[in-house]
Amino acid sequence: MMMSPAPAAIPGFGAPPAQQSMPPCYVEFTKLREEVEKRGKAAKTASEHKATREEMCKHITAFTAAEGKWAKFIEENTAKCGMPPDMASKIKTAHSRSEEMRENICSPIAVGPSPPSLSDALGTTRLPTPKTTKTGSGTLDTLTGNAIQTR
């Protein structure tokens, strides 16, 4: 399963210098990014352990929800927090790919028409039905009487 690029790898928004106190937007940004990383790692681990479709749906849904919150925060605070202007578009692009993946994983499996059976392929009927079964006795009908007798 392909995950979005690691949130920590986004260029232009590094850690502030150690001597300064962290601005409030950086604290919130970091908290949201760490949640995305945590959910992403959980989804990756589940994928590596061959989780069921339902389990993967839960993991990818949690991941996309966290990623959506992070993307919304970045979009609303780009100018205020001094983030690079293209950062919001990059995160939104990654989030839209994650949403597509979530839709693919969580959508019900499409059930197509069943393949033809062997009797269909050979052109025979499956089982006798009242429409295909002749009633009455014939020359070799031994269930109703004399096998040689005809009616």
N, C-alpha and C. Protein backbone atom coordinates (compact mmCIF):
# COMPACT_ATOMS: atom_id res chain seq x y z
N MET A 1 0.85 -1.16 0.00
CA MET A 1 0.00 0.00 0.00
C MET A 1 0.90 1.22 0.00
N MET A 2 0.62 2.15 -0.89
CA MET A 2 1.44 3.34 -0.98
C MET A 2 0.84 4.43 -0.11
N MET A 3 1.66 4.99 0.75
CA MET A 3 1.21 6.05 1.63
C MET A 3 1.69 7.38 1.07
N SER A 4 1.14 8.47 1.54
CA SER A 4 1.56 9.81 1.17
C SER A 4 2.98 10.02 1.66
N PRO A 5 3.67 11.00 1.08
CA PRO A 5 5.04 11.25 1.55
C PRO A 5 5.04 11.57 3.04
N ALA A 6 6.12 11.23 3.67
CA ALA A 6 6.22 11.45 5.11
C ALA A 6 6.04 12.94 5.40
N PRO A 7 5.12 13.28 6.30
CA PRO A 7 4.85 14.68 6.60
C PRO A 7 6.09 15.45 7.04
N ALA A 8 7.03 14.79 7.70
CA ALA A 8 8.21 15.48 8.18
C ALA A 8 9.12 15.89 7.03
N ALA A 9 8.92 15.32 5.84
CA ALA A 9 9.79 15.60 4.71
C ALA A 9 9.35 16.82 3.92
N ILE A 10 8.35 17.54 4.35
CA ILE A 10 7.88 18.72 3.65
C ILE A 10 8.95 19.82 3.81
N PRO A 11 9.49 20.34 2.71
CA PRO A 11 10.55 21.34 2.82
C PRO A 11 10.01 22.69 3.25
N GLY A 12 10.87 23.48 3.89
CA GLY A 12 10.54 24.86 4.18
C GLY A 12 9.95 25.12 5.55
N PHE A 13 9.64 24.08 6.30
CA PHE A 13 9.04 24.31 7.61
C PHE A 13 9.79 23.45 8.61
N GLY A 14 10.95 23.89 8.96
CA GLY A 14 11.79 23.12 9.87
C GLY A 14 11.56 23.52 11.30
N ALA A 15 12.33 22.94 12.19
CA ALA A 15 12.22 23.25 13.61
C ALA A 15 12.75 24.65 13.87
N PRO A 16 12.15 25.37 14.81
CA PRO A 16 12.65 26.71 15.12
C PRO A 16 13.96 26.61 15.89
N PRO A 17 14.73 27.68 15.89
CA PRO A 17 15.99 27.64 16.64
C PRO A 17 15.73 27.32 18.12
N ALA A 18 16.66 26.67 18.75
CA ALA A 18 16.49 26.18 20.12
C ALA A 18 16.33 27.30 21.13
N GLN A 19 16.97 28.47 20.92
CA GLN A 19 16.89 29.52 21.92
C GLN A 19 15.55 30.24 21.93
N GLN A 20 14.76 30.17 20.89
CA GLN A 20 13.47 30.83 20.85
C GLN A 20 12.38 29.90 21.37
N SER A 21 11.32 30.51 21.92
CA SER A 21 10.19 29.68 22.31
C SER A 21 9.38 29.36 21.06
N MET A 22 8.73 28.21 21.07
CA MET A 22 7.99 27.78 19.88
C MET A 22 6.71 28.59 19.73
N PRO A 23 6.43 29.08 18.51
CA PRO A 23 5.18 29.80 18.29
C PRO A 23 4.00 28.83 18.39
N PRO A 24 2.82 29.35 18.80
CA PRO A 24 1.66 28.46 18.96
C PRO A 24 1.30 27.70 17.69
N CYS A 25 1.45 28.31 16.53
CA CYS A 25 1.09 27.60 15.31
C CYS A 25 2.05 26.43 15.05
N TYR A 26 3.33 26.57 15.45
CA TYR A 26 4.27 25.49 15.27
C TYR A 26 3.90 24.31 16.17
N VAL A 27 3.47 24.58 17.38
CA VAL A 27 3.08 23.53 18.32
C VAL A 27 1.89 22.75 17.76
N GLU A 28 0.89 23.48 17.27
CA GLU A 28 -0.30 22.82 16.69
C GLU A 28 0.07 22.05 15.43
N PHE A 29 0.90 22.66 14.57
CA PHE A 29 1.36 22.01 13.35
C PHE A 29 2.05 20.69 13.68
N THR A 30 2.94 20.72 14.65
CA THR A 30 3.69 19.52 15.03
C THR A 30 2.77 18.45 15.60
N LYS A 31 1.83 18.86 16.42
CA LYS A 31 0.89 17.90 17.01
C LYS A 31 0.08 17.20 15.91
N LEU A 32 -0.42 17.97 14.95
CA LEU A 32 -1.21 17.39 13.86
C LEU A 32 -0.35 16.50 12.97
N ARG A 33 0.89 16.94 12.68
CA ARG A 33 1.80 16.14 11.85
C ARG A 33 2.12 14.81 12.53
N GLU A 34 2.36 14.84 13.84
CA GLU A 34 2.67 13.60 14.56
C GLU A 34 1.48 12.64 14.55
N GLU A 35 0.27 13.16 14.62
CA GLU A 35 -0.93 12.31 14.54
C GLU A 35 -1.03 11.64 13.17
N VAL A 36 -0.72 12.41 12.11
CA VAL A 36 -0.74 11.85 10.76
C VAL A 36 0.31 10.76 10.65
N GLU A 37 1.51 11.01 11.17
CA GLU A 37 2.58 10.01 11.12
C GLU A 37 2.18 8.74 11.88
N LYS A 38 1.59 8.92 13.05
CA LYS A 38 1.16 7.78 13.88
C LYS A 38 0.13 6.93 13.13
N ARG A 39 -0.89 7.59 12.56
CA ARG A 39 -1.93 6.88 11.82
C ARG A 39 -1.37 6.22 10.56
N GLY A 40 -0.44 6.90 9.91
CA GLY A 40 0.19 6.34 8.71
C GLY A 40 1.00 5.09 9.02
N LYS A 41 1.73 5.13 10.13
CA LYS A 41 2.52 3.96 10.54
C LYS A 41 1.60 2.79 10.89
N ALA A 42 0.48 3.08 11.56
CA ALA A 42 -0.46 2.02 11.92
C ALA A 42 -1.05 1.38 10.66
N ALA A 43 -1.39 2.20 9.67
CA ALA A 43 -1.93 1.66 8.42
C ALA A 43 -0.88 0.84 7.68
N LYS A 44 0.36 1.31 7.68
CA LYS A 44 1.44 0.58 7.00
C LYS A 44 1.68 -0.76 7.68
N THR A 45 1.69 -0.76 9.00
CA THR A 45 1.89 -2.01 9.75
C THR A 45 0.76 -2.99 9.46
N ALA A 46 -0.47 -2.49 9.45
CA ALA A 46 -1.62 -3.36 9.16
C ALA A 46 -1.50 -3.94 7.75
N SER A 47 -1.06 -3.13 6.81
CA SER A 47 -0.89 -3.61 5.44
C SER A 47 0.19 -4.69 5.36
N GLU A 48 1.29 -4.48 6.06
CA GLU A 48 2.38 -5.46 6.06
C GLU A 48 1.96 -6.77 6.70
N HIS A 49 1.02 -6.72 7.64
CA HIS A 49 0.55 -7.93 8.31
C HIS A 49 -0.68 -8.51 7.63
N LYS A 50 -0.94 -8.07 6.40
CA LYS A 50 -2.06 -8.60 5.59
C LYS A 50 -3.39 -8.49 6.32
N ALA A 51 -3.69 -7.30 6.80
CA ALA A 51 -4.95 -7.07 7.51
C ALA A 51 -6.13 -7.27 6.56
N THR A 52 -7.28 -7.57 7.12
CA THR A 52 -8.47 -7.75 6.30
C THR A 52 -8.87 -6.40 5.71
N ARG A 53 -9.73 -6.45 4.73
CA ARG A 53 -10.20 -5.23 4.06
C ARG A 53 -10.88 -4.29 5.06
N GLU A 54 -11.66 -4.85 5.97
CA GLU A 54 -12.36 -4.04 6.97
C GLU A 54 -11.37 -3.35 7.92
N GLU A 55 -10.33 -4.09 8.35
CA GLU A 55 -9.32 -3.49 9.22
C GLU A 55 -8.56 -2.39 8.50
N MET A 56 -8.20 -2.64 7.25
CA MET A 56 -7.49 -1.62 6.48
C MET A 56 -8.35 -0.39 6.27
N CYS A 57 -9.64 -0.60 6.09
CA CYS A 57 -10.56 0.53 5.92
C CYS A 57 -10.55 1.40 7.19
N LYS A 58 -10.56 0.77 8.35
CA LYS A 58 -10.53 1.53 9.61
C LYS A 58 -9.23 2.34 9.72
N HIS A 59 -8.10 1.70 9.39
CA HIS A 59 -6.81 2.37 9.50
C HIS A 59 -6.69 3.53 8.50
N ILE A 60 -7.08 3.29 7.26
CA ILE A 60 -6.92 4.34 6.25
C ILE A 60 -7.92 5.47 6.50
N THR A 61 -9.08 5.16 7.06
CA THR A 61 -10.05 6.20 7.40
C THR A 61 -9.50 7.09 8.51
N ALA A 62 -8.89 6.49 9.52
CA ALA A 62 -8.28 7.27 10.60
C ALA A 62 -7.13 8.11 10.06
N PHE A 63 -6.34 7.54 9.16
CA PHE A 63 -5.23 8.28 8.57
C PHE A 63 -5.72 9.48 7.76
N THR A 64 -6.71 9.28 6.90
CA THR A 64 -7.18 10.38 6.07
C THR A 64 -7.88 11.45 6.90
N ALA A 65 -8.53 11.07 8.00
CA ALA A 65 -9.15 12.06 8.87
C ALA A 65 -8.08 12.95 9.52
N ALA A 66 -7.01 12.33 10.02
CA ALA A 66 -5.92 13.10 10.63
C ALA A 66 -5.23 13.97 9.58
N GLU A 67 -5.02 13.42 8.40
CA GLU A 67 -4.38 14.16 7.33
C GLU A 67 -5.25 15.34 6.88
N GLY A 68 -6.56 15.13 6.87
CA GLY A 68 -7.49 16.20 6.50
C GLY A 68 -7.44 17.36 7.49
N LYS A 69 -7.38 17.04 8.79
CA LYS A 69 -7.27 18.09 9.82
C LYS A 69 -5.97 18.87 9.64
N TRP A 70 -4.89 18.15 9.36
CA TRP A 70 -3.58 18.77 9.17
C TRP A 70 -3.60 19.68 7.94
N ALA A 71 -4.18 19.18 6.85
CA ALA A 71 -4.25 19.97 5.62
C ALA A 71 -5.09 21.23 5.84
N LYS A 72 -6.19 21.11 6.56
CA LYS A 72 -7.05 22.27 6.84
C LYS A 72 -6.30 23.30 7.68
N PHE A 73 -5.57 22.84 8.70
CA PHE A 73 -4.79 23.74 9.53
C PHE A 73 -3.77 24.49 8.68
N ILE A 74 -3.07 23.78 7.82
CA ILE A 74 -2.04 24.41 6.98
C ILE A 74 -2.68 25.43 6.05
N GLU A 75 -3.79 25.06 5.44
CA GLU A 75 -4.47 25.96 4.51
C GLU A 75 -4.91 27.25 5.22
N GLU A 76 -5.44 27.13 6.41
CA GLU A 76 -5.94 28.29 7.15
C GLU A 76 -4.83 29.14 7.76
N ASN A 77 -3.65 28.56 8.01
CA ASN A 77 -2.61 29.27 8.75
C ASN A 77 -1.31 29.47 7.98
N THR A 78 -1.31 29.28 6.69
CA THR A 78 -0.08 29.41 5.91
C THR A 78 0.56 30.78 6.08
N ALA A 79 -0.20 31.82 5.86
CA ALA A 79 0.35 33.17 5.96
C ALA A 79 0.68 33.55 7.40
N LYS A 80 -0.24 33.23 8.31
CA LYS A 80 -0.07 33.60 9.72
C LYS A 80 1.16 32.94 10.34
N CYS A 81 1.45 31.70 9.96
CA CYS A 81 2.55 30.96 10.57
C CYS A 81 3.84 31.02 9.77
N GLY A 82 3.82 31.69 8.64
CA GLY A 82 5.04 31.82 7.84
C GLY A 82 5.44 30.54 7.13
N MET A 83 4.47 29.74 6.75
CA MET A 83 4.76 28.50 6.01
C MET A 83 4.94 28.84 4.53
N PRO A 84 5.68 28.04 3.80
CA PRO A 84 5.81 28.28 2.36
C PRO A 84 4.44 28.24 1.68
N PRO A 85 4.21 29.12 0.71
CA PRO A 85 2.89 29.19 0.07
C PRO A 85 2.47 27.90 -0.66
N ASP A 86 3.42 27.17 -1.21
CA ASP A 86 3.06 25.95 -1.96
C ASP A 86 2.84 24.75 -1.04
N MET A 87 3.09 24.91 0.24
CA MET A 87 2.93 23.79 1.18
C MET A 87 1.49 23.30 1.23
N ALA A 88 0.54 24.22 1.29
CA ALA A 88 -0.87 23.83 1.37
C ALA A 88 -1.28 23.03 0.14
N SER A 89 -0.84 23.44 -1.04
CA SER A 89 -1.23 22.71 -2.26
C SER A 89 -0.61 21.31 -2.29
N LYS A 90 0.62 21.19 -1.80
CA LYS A 90 1.27 19.87 -1.77
C LYS A 90 0.53 18.92 -0.81
N ILE A 91 0.16 19.45 0.36
CA ILE A 91 -0.54 18.62 1.34
C ILE A 91 -1.93 18.25 0.82
N LYS A 92 -2.61 19.19 0.16
CA LYS A 92 -3.94 18.91 -0.39
C LYS A 92 -3.86 17.84 -1.48
N THR A 93 -2.82 17.89 -2.31
CA THR A 93 -2.63 16.89 -3.36
C THR A 93 -2.41 15.51 -2.73
N ALA A 94 -1.55 15.45 -1.72
CA ALA A 94 -1.30 14.17 -1.04
C ALA A 94 -2.58 13.67 -0.37
N HIS A 95 -3.34 14.59 0.21
CA HIS A 95 -4.59 14.19 0.89
C HIS A 95 -5.61 13.67 -0.12
N SER A 96 -5.70 14.27 -1.29
CA SER A 96 -6.66 13.77 -2.29
C SER A 96 -6.28 12.37 -2.76
N ARG A 97 -4.98 12.08 -2.86
CA ARG A 97 -4.55 10.71 -3.21
C ARG A 97 -4.90 9.74 -2.09
N SER A 98 -4.74 10.18 -0.86
CA SER A 98 -5.11 9.32 0.28
C SER A 98 -6.61 9.05 0.29
N GLU A 99 -7.40 10.06 -0.04
CA GLU A 99 -8.86 9.88 -0.09
C GLU A 99 -9.25 8.89 -1.18
N GLU A 100 -8.59 8.96 -2.33
CA GLU A 100 -8.85 7.98 -3.41
C GLU A 100 -8.53 6.57 -2.92
N MET A 101 -7.41 6.44 -2.24
CA MET A 101 -7.01 5.13 -1.73
C MET A 101 -8.05 4.63 -0.72
N ARG A 102 -8.52 5.53 0.15
CA ARG A 102 -9.54 5.15 1.13
C ARG A 102 -10.81 4.69 0.44
N GLU A 103 -11.23 5.40 -0.60
CA GLU A 103 -12.43 5.00 -1.33
C GLU A 103 -12.26 3.63 -1.97
N ASN A 104 -11.08 3.36 -2.52
CA ASN A 104 -10.82 2.06 -3.13
C ASN A 104 -10.83 0.94 -2.11
N ILE A 105 -10.25 1.19 -0.95
CA ILE A 105 -10.16 0.16 0.07
C ILE A 105 -11.51 -0.07 0.75
N CYS A 106 -12.23 1.01 1.02
CA CYS A 106 -13.46 0.90 1.80
C CYS A 106 -14.71 0.63 0.96
N SER A 107 -14.63 0.78 -0.35
CA SER A 107 -15.82 0.54 -1.17
C SER A 107 -16.10 -0.96 -1.23
N PRO A 108 -17.38 -1.33 -1.30
CA PRO A 108 -17.70 -2.75 -1.39
C PRO A 108 -17.15 -3.33 -2.68
N ILE A 109 -16.80 -4.58 -2.61
CA ILE A 109 -16.25 -5.26 -3.79
C ILE A 109 -17.37 -5.46 -4.79
N ALA A 110 -17.11 -5.03 -6.01
CA ALA A 110 -18.10 -5.19 -7.07
C ALA A 110 -18.20 -6.66 -7.46
N VAL A 111 -19.41 -7.16 -7.45
CA VAL A 111 -19.64 -8.55 -7.82
C VAL A 111 -20.20 -8.56 -9.24
N GLY A 112 -19.46 -9.12 -10.14
CA GLY A 112 -19.89 -9.17 -11.53
C GLY A 112 -20.72 -10.41 -11.79
N PRO A 113 -21.11 -10.58 -13.03
CA PRO A 113 -21.90 -11.77 -13.36
C PRO A 113 -21.05 -13.02 -13.15
N SER A 114 -21.72 -14.09 -12.77
CA SER A 114 -20.99 -15.32 -12.53
C SER A 114 -20.54 -15.91 -13.87
N PRO A 115 -19.41 -16.58 -13.87
CA PRO A 115 -18.94 -17.19 -15.12
C PRO A 115 -19.85 -18.34 -15.52
N PRO A 116 -19.85 -18.71 -16.78
CA PRO A 116 -20.72 -19.81 -17.21
C PRO A 116 -20.31 -21.13 -16.56
N SER A 117 -21.29 -21.93 -16.30
CA SER A 117 -21.01 -23.25 -15.72
C SER A 117 -20.59 -24.20 -16.84
N LEU A 118 -20.15 -25.37 -16.46
CA LEU A 118 -19.74 -26.36 -17.45
C LEU A 118 -20.93 -26.77 -18.32
N SER A 119 -22.10 -26.95 -17.70
CA SER A 119 -23.27 -27.34 -18.50
C SER A 119 -23.67 -26.22 -19.46
N ASP A 120 -23.49 -24.95 -19.07
CA ASP A 120 -23.76 -23.85 -19.99
C ASP A 120 -22.78 -23.89 -21.16
N ALA A 121 -21.52 -24.14 -20.85
CA ALA A 121 -20.51 -24.19 -21.89
C ALA A 121 -20.73 -25.35 -22.85
N LEU A 122 -21.24 -26.47 -22.33
CA LEU A 122 -21.50 -27.64 -23.18
C LEU A 122 -22.85 -27.58 -23.86
N GLY A 123 -23.69 -26.66 -23.44
CA GLY A 123 -25.01 -26.52 -24.05
C GLY A 123 -26.02 -27.51 -23.52
N THR A 124 -25.82 -28.00 -22.33
CA THR A 124 -26.78 -28.93 -21.74
C THR A 124 -27.53 -28.23 -20.62
N THR A 125 -28.60 -28.86 -20.17
CA THR A 125 -29.34 -28.28 -19.06
C THR A 125 -28.74 -28.78 -17.76
N ARG A 126 -28.98 -28.06 -16.73
CA ARG A 126 -28.42 -28.42 -15.42
C ARG A 126 -29.18 -29.58 -14.80
N LEU A 127 -30.45 -29.40 -14.53
CA LEU A 127 -31.26 -30.44 -13.91
C LEU A 127 -32.59 -30.51 -14.64
N PRO A 128 -33.19 -31.67 -14.67
CA PRO A 128 -34.51 -31.74 -15.30
C PRO A 128 -35.52 -30.92 -14.51
N THR A 129 -36.36 -30.23 -15.22
CA THR A 129 -37.44 -29.46 -14.60
C THR A 129 -38.76 -30.00 -15.13
N PRO A 130 -39.87 -29.64 -14.53
CA PRO A 130 -41.15 -30.12 -15.04
C PRO A 130 -41.36 -29.75 -16.52
N LYS A 131 -40.79 -28.66 -16.96
CA LYS A 131 -40.94 -28.26 -18.36
C LYS A 131 -40.11 -29.13 -19.29
N THR A 132 -38.97 -29.61 -18.79
CA THR A 132 -38.09 -30.41 -19.65
C THR A 132 -38.29 -31.90 -19.49
N THR A 133 -39.08 -32.32 -18.52
CA THR A 133 -39.29 -33.75 -18.26
C THR A 133 -40.60 -34.19 -18.92
N LYS A 134 -40.51 -35.28 -19.67
CA LYS A 134 -41.69 -35.86 -20.29
C LYS A 134 -42.45 -36.68 -19.27
N THR A 135 -43.75 -36.46 -19.19
CA THR A 135 -44.56 -37.28 -18.28
C THR A 135 -45.23 -38.38 -19.09
N GLY A 136 -45.62 -39.39 -18.40
CA GLY A 136 -46.21 -40.55 -19.08
C GLY A 136 -45.18 -41.64 -19.23
N SER A 137 -45.57 -42.77 -19.69
CA SER A 137 -44.62 -43.87 -19.80
C SER A 137 -44.21 -44.04 -21.26
N GLY A 138 -43.05 -44.47 -21.43
CA GLY A 138 -42.53 -44.72 -22.77
C GLY A 138 -42.10 -46.16 -22.88
N THR A 139 -41.41 -46.49 -23.95
CA THR A 139 -41.01 -47.86 -24.20
C THR A 139 -40.10 -48.40 -23.12
N LEU A 140 -39.21 -47.63 -22.63
CA LEU A 140 -38.26 -48.11 -21.63
C LEU A 140 -38.57 -47.59 -20.23
N ASP A 141 -39.81 -47.18 -19.99
CA ASP A 141 -40.17 -46.64 -18.68
C ASP A 141 -40.56 -47.79 -17.76
N THR A 142 -39.65 -48.19 -16.89
CA THR A 142 -39.91 -49.33 -16.01
C THR A 142 -40.47 -48.93 -14.67
N LEU A 143 -40.57 -47.66 -14.40
CA LEU A 143 -41.05 -47.24 -13.10
C LEU A 143 -42.57 -47.36 -13.01
N THR A 144 -43.27 -47.28 -14.13
CA THR A 144 -44.72 -47.32 -14.08
C THR A 144 -45.31 -48.63 -14.58
N GLY A 145 -44.51 -49.54 -14.88
CA GLY A 145 -45.08 -50.83 -15.30
C GLY A 145 -44.18 -51.61 -16.20
N ASN A 146 -44.73 -52.23 -17.21
CA ASN A 146 -44.05 -53.11 -18.13
C ASN A 146 -43.12 -52.30 -19.03
N ALA A 147 -41.87 -52.72 -19.16
CA ALA A 147 -40.90 -52.01 -19.97
C ALA A 147 -41.17 -52.17 -21.44
N ILE A 148 -41.88 -53.20 -21.84
CA ILE A 148 -42.12 -53.44 -23.25
C ILE A 148 -43.46 -52.83 -23.68
N GLN A 149 -44.32 -52.62 -22.80
CA GLN A 149 -45.62 -52.11 -23.11
C GLN A 149 -45.54 -50.64 -23.55
N THR A 150 -46.28 -50.24 -24.52
CA THR A 150 -46.38 -48.86 -24.97
C THR A 150 -47.79 -48.37 -24.79
N ARG A 151 -48.01 -47.17 -24.67
CA ARG A 151 -49.35 -46.61 -24.49
C ARG A 151 -49.72 -45.76 -25.65
